[in-house]
Structures are given as structure tokens and as C-alpha cells.
Amino acid sequence: MKWWNRLRTFIQEVTVETKKVTWPSKEEVLSTTTVVVIASFIFGLYLFFCDLIFLVLRDKIFQLFGVFS
């Protein structure tokens, strides 16, 4: 039964601490989410083009040495 009391105490403490939190407004959540989505998209494009450039360079080097003849 001791674990039950510890669990109850834990839940009470979590409830008290949760009430102390300053939660962001809906506008703040939307704006930061928008920034994260746009930054992720731009970074994804950057990685895509870097990968494409390295792929082309690799193929040119292999052609130069006749690896894929």
C-alpha cells in the first residue's frame, strides 16, 4: 500500500507544479510552429541539393576513371 501513497503524492505534486507553468498563447504556439516548419523545409531543400551535387560529382569521378563503363 506504500506505493499507492507515493503515487498519490507524486500526482498531487505534479498538479501543483503544472499550475505554476506559464503556458504559451495560441498565437505563440502557431508562430513558433510556423518557424520550425519553414526552417525544416529550407534545411531539407539544402540537404537535397547537397546530396544531388555530391551524386553528380561522384558519377563524374567514376566516369573519369571508368568505374561504371
Protein backbone atom coordinates (compact mmCIF):
# COMPACT_ATOMS: atom_id res chain seq x y z
CA MET A 1 0.00 0.00 0.00
CA LYS A 2 3.02 2.25 0.42
CA TRP A 3 3.49 2.60 -3.34
CA TRP A 4 -0.12 3.84 -3.63
CA ASN A 5 0.57 6.70 -1.22
CA ARG A 6 3.76 7.61 -3.08
CA LEU A 7 1.87 7.63 -6.37
CA ARG A 8 -0.84 9.86 -4.92
CA THR A 9 1.75 12.27 -3.53
CA PHE A 10 3.54 12.34 -6.87
CA ILE A 11 0.32 13.16 -8.75
CA GLN A 12 -0.51 15.93 -6.27
CA GLU A 13 2.95 17.46 -6.67
CA VAL A 14 2.73 17.27 -10.45
CA THR A 15 -0.65 19.03 -10.33
CA VAL A 16 0.78 21.83 -8.16
CA GLU A 17 3.81 22.29 -10.45
CA THR A 18 1.66 22.23 -13.59
CA LYS A 19 -0.39 25.13 -12.25
CA LYS A 20 2.83 27.17 -11.86
CA VAL A 21 3.77 26.81 -15.54
CA THR A 22 3.35 29.82 -17.82
CA TRP A 23 1.77 28.27 -20.89
CA PRO A 24 2.29 29.93 -24.30
CA SER A 25 -0.64 31.56 -26.04
CA LYS A 26 -2.20 30.10 -29.17
CA GLU A 27 -0.52 32.80 -31.27
CA GLU A 28 2.91 31.98 -29.81
CA VAL A 29 2.45 28.28 -30.50
CA LEU A 30 1.34 28.93 -34.08
CA SER A 31 4.18 31.35 -34.80
CA THR A 32 6.91 29.11 -33.39
CA THR A 33 5.44 26.08 -35.15
CA THR A 34 5.43 28.01 -38.43
CA VAL A 35 9.08 28.97 -37.94
CA VAL A 36 10.05 25.36 -37.23
CA VAL A 37 8.16 24.01 -40.26
CA ILE A 38 9.66 26.61 -42.61
CA ALA A 39 13.18 26.13 -41.22
CA SER A 40 12.85 22.35 -41.56
CA PHE A 41 11.67 22.70 -45.16
CA ILE A 42 14.56 25.02 -46.06
CA PHE A 43 17.09 22.74 -44.37
CA GLY A 44 15.57 19.75 -46.19
CA LEU A 45 15.96 21.54 -49.52
CA TYR A 46 19.56 22.40 -48.65
CA LEU A 47 20.33 18.75 -47.85
CA PHE A 48 18.57 17.61 -51.03
CA PHE A 49 20.68 19.89 -53.22
CA CYS A 50 23.91 18.98 -51.39
CA ASP A 51 23.11 15.31 -51.94
CA LEU A 52 22.33 15.97 -55.60
CA ILE A 53 25.62 17.82 -56.11
CA PHE A 54 27.64 15.04 -54.45
CA LEU A 55 25.79 12.43 -56.51
CA VAL A 56 26.66 14.21 -59.76
CA LEU A 57 30.28 14.70 -58.65
CA ARG A 58 30.57 11.03 -57.71
CA ASP A 59 29.20 9.94 -61.08
CA LYS A 60 31.60 12.28 -62.92
CA ILE A 61 34.58 10.93 -60.96
CA PHE A 62 33.51 7.34 -61.64
CA GLN A 63 33.12 8.14 -65.35
CA LEU A 64 36.57 9.74 -65.38
CA PHE A 65 38.18 6.59 -64.01
CA GLY A 66 35.93 4.23 -65.97
CA VAL A 67 34.39 2.54 -62.96
CA PHE A 68 30.91 2.30 -64.49
CA SER A 69 31.86 1.67 -68.11
